[in-house]
């Protein structure tokens, strides 16, 4: 029976290191992720905090390493409000630690007021990722971060022969960091929505995103027209608390984005990468 070179290399790596080459680990800059999730909560859900099923969000990773620290006190914040916010963060860390494969590492805060900074978070993340890669424990790793300070880490991991995926928001990621990784994967809003908890979904109806043949506007009124870079037309329909955006996704199919308001479906299209130039009417 023929065994590919790739499979022989994987078998050899298991023999000499005991590693499982197909395993994937993810290393999460908690401060960055929280900030970006707050942005999406504001963009889509009137600021209501996103409640994720974290096992669903990170289902493809055997181990999940999360790095963060307790929040600083805000200017003018009273003691009881600050304590409630800090206790809420502690509870969140505890919930993560109880999930299978999750490990939470806390840094410390330095300074005060507007000068407060996290200490030890980036260093712990870098040491753990580089140690796991250099020892051959894992060969495919994902970094969930956006700061250019991680560029040297990304370069070192790639130089060790591991395959590094950077998972970050396209609005808030260093170009240098993106180029240092082997692969860049932007947040896909549909994946984030899919991983929201059942309880959150029961309170907040989610958008419908589908590629279908034909343009089905369900009898809604045409509100605006737009043009994509290839010259194809986008049409936005709305009425009675419902909006549908339709634009070509292939030569035979059309993307249909359906949600509550025209603004929200336009946000979804933008986050999915549709560059639509809208008319003024």
Protein backbone atom coordinates (compact mmCIF):
# COMPACT_ATOMS: atom_id res chain seq x y z
CA UNK A 1 0.00 0.00 0.00
CA UNK A 2 1.34 3.43 -0.98
CA UNK A 3 1.94 5.87 1.88
CA UNK A 4 2.42 9.51 0.94
CA UNK A 5 5.53 11.43 1.94
CA UNK A 6 3.37 13.69 4.10
CA UNK A 7 1.96 10.70 6.00
CA UNK A 8 5.43 9.18 6.46
CA UNK A 9 6.70 12.50 7.86
CA UNK A 10 3.74 12.67 10.25
CA UNK A 11 4.38 9.11 11.41
CA UNK A 12 8.06 9.91 11.95
CA UNK A 13 7.18 12.99 13.98
CA UNK A 14 4.87 10.96 16.20
CA UNK A 15 7.66 8.43 16.74
CA UNK A 16 10.30 10.94 17.80
CA UNK A 17 8.13 13.39 19.74
CA UNK A 18 4.94 11.62 20.69
CA UNK A 19 3.07 14.51 19.08
CA UNK A 20 -0.14 14.35 17.12
CA UNK A 21 0.70 16.52 14.09
CA UNK A 22 -2.91 17.05 13.10
CA UNK A 23 -3.79 18.56 16.45
CA UNK A 24 -4.46 22.28 16.43
CA UNK A 25 -3.94 24.65 19.34
CA UNK A 26 -5.21 28.23 19.59
CA UNK A 27 -3.67 31.06 21.60
CA UNK A 28 -6.06 33.91 22.39
CA UNK A 29 -5.22 37.49 23.31
CA UNK A 30 -8.24 37.98 25.59
CA UNK A 31 -8.05 41.77 25.73
CA UNK A 32 -8.08 42.03 21.94
CA UNK A 33 -10.92 39.54 21.55
CA UNK A 34 -13.07 41.21 24.20
CA UNK A 35 -12.62 44.59 22.53
CA UNK A 36 -13.61 43.24 19.13
CA UNK A 37 -16.62 41.36 20.50
CA UNK A 38 -17.77 44.56 22.20
CA UNK A 39 -17.55 46.25 18.81
CA UNK A 40 -19.76 43.60 17.19
CA UNK A 41 -22.22 43.79 20.10
CA UNK A 42 -22.52 47.53 19.49
CA UNK A 43 -22.72 47.10 15.71
CA UNK A 44 -25.46 44.47 15.72
CA UNK A 45 -27.15 44.13 19.12
CA UNK A 46 -27.41 47.61 20.61
CA UNK A 47 -24.47 46.91 22.89
CA UNK A 48 -25.90 43.79 24.55
CA UNK A 49 -22.86 41.62 25.45
CA UNK A 50 -22.38 38.66 23.14
CA UNK A 51 -22.90 35.37 24.95
CA UNK A 52 -20.86 32.71 23.15
CA UNK A 53 -20.85 28.96 23.38
CA UNK A 54 -17.05 28.88 23.56
CA UNK A 55 -16.88 25.15 22.83
CA UNK A 56 -18.71 25.83 19.57
CA UNK A 57 -16.61 28.88 18.73
CA UNK A 58 -13.33 26.97 19.15
CA UNK A 59 -14.57 23.46 18.33
CA UNK A 60 -11.72 22.59 15.94
CA UNK A 61 -8.97 23.10 18.52
CA UNK A 62 -7.85 20.39 20.95
CA UNK A 63 -6.38 22.94 23.36
CA UNK A 64 -7.39 26.58 23.84
CA UNK A 65 -5.04 28.95 25.71
CA UNK A 66 -6.60 32.22 26.85
CA UNK A 67 -4.54 35.16 28.16
CA UNK A 68 -6.06 38.14 29.91
CA UNK A 69 -6.14 40.07 33.16
CA UNK A 70 -8.72 41.63 35.45
CA UNK A 71 -9.94 45.08 34.32
CA UNK A 72 -8.61 48.38 35.66
CA UNK A 73 -10.81 50.84 37.47
CA UNK A 74 -12.22 53.45 35.11
CA UNK A 75 -11.93 57.16 35.77
CA UNK A 76 -14.86 58.24 37.92
CA UNK A 77 -16.07 54.67 38.50
CA UNK A 78 -17.44 54.06 41.99
CA UNK A 79 -16.20 51.15 44.08
CA UNK A 80 -19.35 49.01 43.86
CA UNK A 81 -19.56 49.31 40.05
CA UNK A 82 -15.89 48.45 39.69
CA UNK A 83 -16.21 45.46 42.02
CA UNK A 84 -19.20 44.14 40.08
CA UNK A 85 -17.33 44.44 36.78
CA UNK A 86 -14.21 42.79 38.18
CA UNK A 87 -16.20 39.94 39.77
CA UNK A 88 -17.94 39.41 36.46
CA UNK A 89 -14.56 38.99 34.75
CA UNK A 90 -13.46 36.51 37.44
CA UNK A 91 -16.64 34.49 36.86
CA UNK A 92 -15.95 34.50 33.12
CA UNK A 93 -12.42 33.17 33.67
CA UNK A 94 -13.82 30.44 35.92
CA UNK A 95 -16.38 29.39 33.31
CA UNK A 96 -13.66 29.14 30.67
CA UNK A 97 -11.42 27.05 32.95
CA UNK A 98 -14.24 24.57 33.43
CA UNK A 99 -14.50 23.91 29.70
CA UNK A 100 -12.66 20.93 28.26
CA UNK A 101 -9.29 21.91 26.77
CA UNK A 102 -9.42 25.52 28.01
CA UNK A 103 -6.58 27.07 30.02
CA UNK A 104 -6.69 30.65 31.31
CA UNK A 105 -3.56 32.60 32.24
CA UNK A 106 -3.83 35.92 34.01
CA UNK A 107 -1.44 38.83 33.81
CA UNK A 108 -1.27 41.90 36.02
CA UNK A 109 -2.01 45.58 35.59
CA UNK A 110 0.65 48.27 35.83
CA UNK A 111 0.13 52.02 36.15
CA UNK A 112 -3.09 53.89 36.75
CA UNK A 113 -5.68 56.01 34.99
CA UNK A 114 -5.19 56.30 31.23
CA UNK A 115 -1.66 54.84 31.57
CA UNK A 116 -2.72 51.44 32.92
CA UNK A 117 -1.26 48.55 30.93
CA UNK A 118 -1.33 44.76 31.04
CA UNK A 119 1.87 43.05 32.11
CA UNK A 120 2.84 39.45 31.46
CA UNK A 121 -0.02 38.57 29.11
CA UNK A 122 1.86 38.81 25.80
CA UNK A 123 4.96 37.17 27.29
CA UNK A 124 3.03 34.17 28.63
CA UNK A 125 1.32 33.67 25.28
CA UNK A 126 4.61 33.90 23.37
CA UNK A 127 6.48 31.52 25.69
CA UNK A 128 3.74 28.89 25.58
CA UNK A 129 3.26 28.96 21.82
CA UNK A 130 6.96 28.91 21.00
CA UNK A 131 7.64 26.17 23.55
CA UNK A 132 4.89 23.94 22.17
CA UNK A 133 6.10 24.45 18.60
CA UNK A 134 9.84 24.08 19.27
CA UNK A 135 9.27 20.82 21.17
CA UNK A 136 7.18 19.41 18.32
CA UNK A 137 4.09 19.11 20.49
CA UNK A 138 1.94 20.76 17.83
CA UNK A 139 2.58 21.77 14.21
CA UNK A 140 -0.56 23.76 13.41
CA UNK A 141 -1.31 26.75 15.62
CA UNK A 142 -3.68 29.69 15.50
CA UNK A 143 -3.07 33.09 17.03
CA UNK A 144 -6.15 35.19 17.81
CA UNK A 145 -4.71 38.69 18.11
CA UNK A 146 -4.12 41.83 16.10
CA UNK A 147 -1.24 43.75 17.65
CA UNK A 148 2.01 44.30 15.72
CA UNK A 149 3.90 43.36 18.92
CA UNK A 150 3.19 39.72 18.07
CA UNK A 151 5.12 39.95 14.77
CA UNK A 152 8.41 38.57 16.22
CA UNK A 153 6.51 35.64 17.73
CA UNK A 154 4.82 34.89 14.42
CA UNK A 155 8.16 34.98 12.61
CA UNK A 156 9.78 32.67 15.18
CA UNK A 157 6.92 30.14 15.03
CA UNK A 158 7.02 30.07 11.24
CA UNK A 159 10.83 29.69 11.32
CA UNK A 160 10.39 26.63 13.56
CA UNK A 161 8.43 24.97 10.75
CA UNK A 162 4.95 25.19 12.26
CA UNK A 163 2.01 26.44 10.21
CA UNK A 164 0.60 29.62 11.77
CA UNK A 165 -2.90 30.92 11.13
CA UNK A 166 -3.74 34.44 12.26
CA UNK A 167 -7.42 34.87 13.15
CA UNK A 168 -8.29 38.55 13.53
CA UNK A 169 -10.76 41.28 12.68
CA UNK A 170 -9.86 42.90 9.36
CA UNK A 171 -10.63 46.32 10.87
CA UNK A 172 -8.13 45.90 13.67
CA UNK A 173 -5.10 43.88 12.66
CA UNK A 174 -1.50 44.84 11.97
CA UNK A 175 -0.50 44.39 8.35
CA UNK A 176 2.99 43.34 9.46
CA UNK A 177 1.53 40.66 11.74
CA UNK A 178 -0.77 39.45 8.97
CA UNK A 179 2.17 39.09 6.58
CA UNK A 180 4.28 37.27 9.17
CA UNK A 181 1.73 34.46 9.52
CA UNK A 182 1.36 31.61 7.03
CA UNK A 183 -2.34 32.26 6.66
CA UNK A 184 -4.70 35.07 7.58
CA UNK A 185 -8.30 34.26 8.41
CA UNK A 186 -10.56 37.28 9.06
CA UNK A 187 -13.44 37.01 11.48
CA UNK A 188 -16.40 35.67 9.52
CA UNK A 189 -19.45 37.23 11.07
CA UNK A 190 -21.61 34.24 10.12
CA UNK A 191 -19.33 31.95 12.15
CA UNK A 192 -19.47 34.28 15.15
CA UNK A 193 -23.26 34.34 15.00
CA UNK A 194 -23.41 30.56 14.71
CA UNK A 195 -21.48 30.18 17.98
CA UNK A 196 -23.75 32.42 20.06
CA UNK A 197 -25.49 30.64 22.94
CA UNK A 198 -29.02 29.30 22.57
CA UNK A 199 -30.18 31.69 25.26
CA UNK A 200 -28.78 34.70 23.39
CA UNK A 201 -30.33 33.54 20.12
CA UNK A 202 -33.73 33.16 21.79
CA UNK A 203 -33.65 36.85 22.73
CA UNK A 204 -31.90 38.19 19.62
CA UNK A 205 -33.08 36.87 16.25
CA UNK A 206 -30.13 36.29 13.97
CA UNK A 207 -29.75 37.17 10.27
CA UNK A 208 -30.44 34.79 7.44
CA UNK A 209 -27.55 34.52 5.00
CA UNK A 210 -27.91 32.22 2.01
CA UNK A 211 -26.93 31.85 -1.61
CA UNK A 212 -29.95 31.08 -3.77
CA UNK A 213 -30.78 30.98 -7.45
CA UNK A 214 -32.95 33.89 -8.46
CA UNK A 215 -33.72 37.16 -6.72
CA UNK A 216 -36.45 36.58 -4.15
CA UNK A 217 -37.37 39.88 -2.49
CA UNK A 218 -40.53 38.49 -0.86
CA UNK A 219 -42.66 41.39 -1.99
CA UNK A 220 -40.65 44.04 -0.11
CA UNK A 221 -40.18 47.50 -1.61
CA UNK A 222 -36.97 48.40 -3.42
CA UNK A 223 -35.11 50.92 -1.24
CA UNK A 224 -31.66 51.36 -2.79
CA UNK A 225 -29.44 50.11 -5.58
CA UNK A 226 -25.70 49.63 -5.49
CA UNK A 227 -22.84 48.41 -7.67
CA UNK A 228 -20.14 45.84 -6.89
CA UNK A 229 -16.56 46.21 -8.24
CA UNK A 230 -17.31 43.80 -11.11
CA UNK A 231 -20.22 45.97 -12.23
CA UNK A 232 -22.98 43.69 -10.99
CA UNK A 233 -25.94 45.21 -9.18
CA UNK A 234 -26.99 44.98 -5.55
CA UNK A 235 -30.57 45.66 -4.50
CA UNK A 236 -31.81 46.53 -1.02
CA UNK A 237 -35.45 45.90 -0.14
CA UNK A 238 -37.27 46.81 3.07
CA UNK A 239 -40.70 47.06 4.66
CA UNK A 240 -42.40 46.43 8.00
CA UNK A 241 -39.31 45.73 10.10
CA UNK A 242 -37.72 43.41 7.56
CA UNK A 243 -34.92 44.05 5.04
CA UNK A 244 -33.33 41.96 2.29
CA UNK A 245 -30.11 42.67 0.42
CA UNK A 246 -29.58 40.72 -2.80
CA UNK A 247 -26.43 40.66 -4.95
CA UNK A 248 -24.72 38.10 -7.23
CA UNK A 249 -22.48 35.56 -5.50
CA UNK A 250 -21.72 33.46 -8.61
CA UNK A 251 -22.83 33.57 -12.22
CA UNK A 252 -26.00 31.64 -11.33
CA UNK A 253 -26.62 32.34 -7.62
CA UNK A 254 -27.42 35.39 -5.53
CA UNK A 255 -26.51 36.21 -1.96
CA UNK A 256 -29.60 36.93 0.14
CA UNK A 257 -29.05 38.68 3.49
CA UNK A 258 -32.23 39.09 5.52
CA UNK A 259 -32.56 40.84 8.88
CA UNK A 260 -34.42 43.57 10.72
CA UNK A 261 -33.23 46.85 9.19
CA UNK A 262 -31.46 48.04 6.01
CA UNK A 263 -28.50 49.26 8.10
CA UNK A 264 -27.96 45.83 9.65
CA UNK A 265 -28.03 43.90 6.38
CA UNK A 266 -25.60 46.41 4.86
CA UNK A 267 -23.30 45.86 7.87
CA UNK A 268 -23.46 42.09 7.31
CA UNK A 269 -22.58 42.46 3.62
CA UNK A 270 -19.62 44.68 4.47
CA UNK A 271 -18.36 42.21 7.09
CA UNK A 272 -18.67 39.37 4.58
CA UNK A 273 -16.45 41.29 2.18
CA UNK A 274 -18.97 42.73 -0.27
CA UNK A 275 -17.66 46.11 -1.48
CA UNK A 276 -20.87 47.82 -2.58
CA UNK A 277 -21.00 51.41 -3.79
CA UNK A 278 -24.49 52.69 -2.99
CA UNK A 279 -26.43 55.33 -4.87
CA UNK A 280 -27.77 58.33 -3.02
CA UNK A 281 -31.43 57.48 -3.30
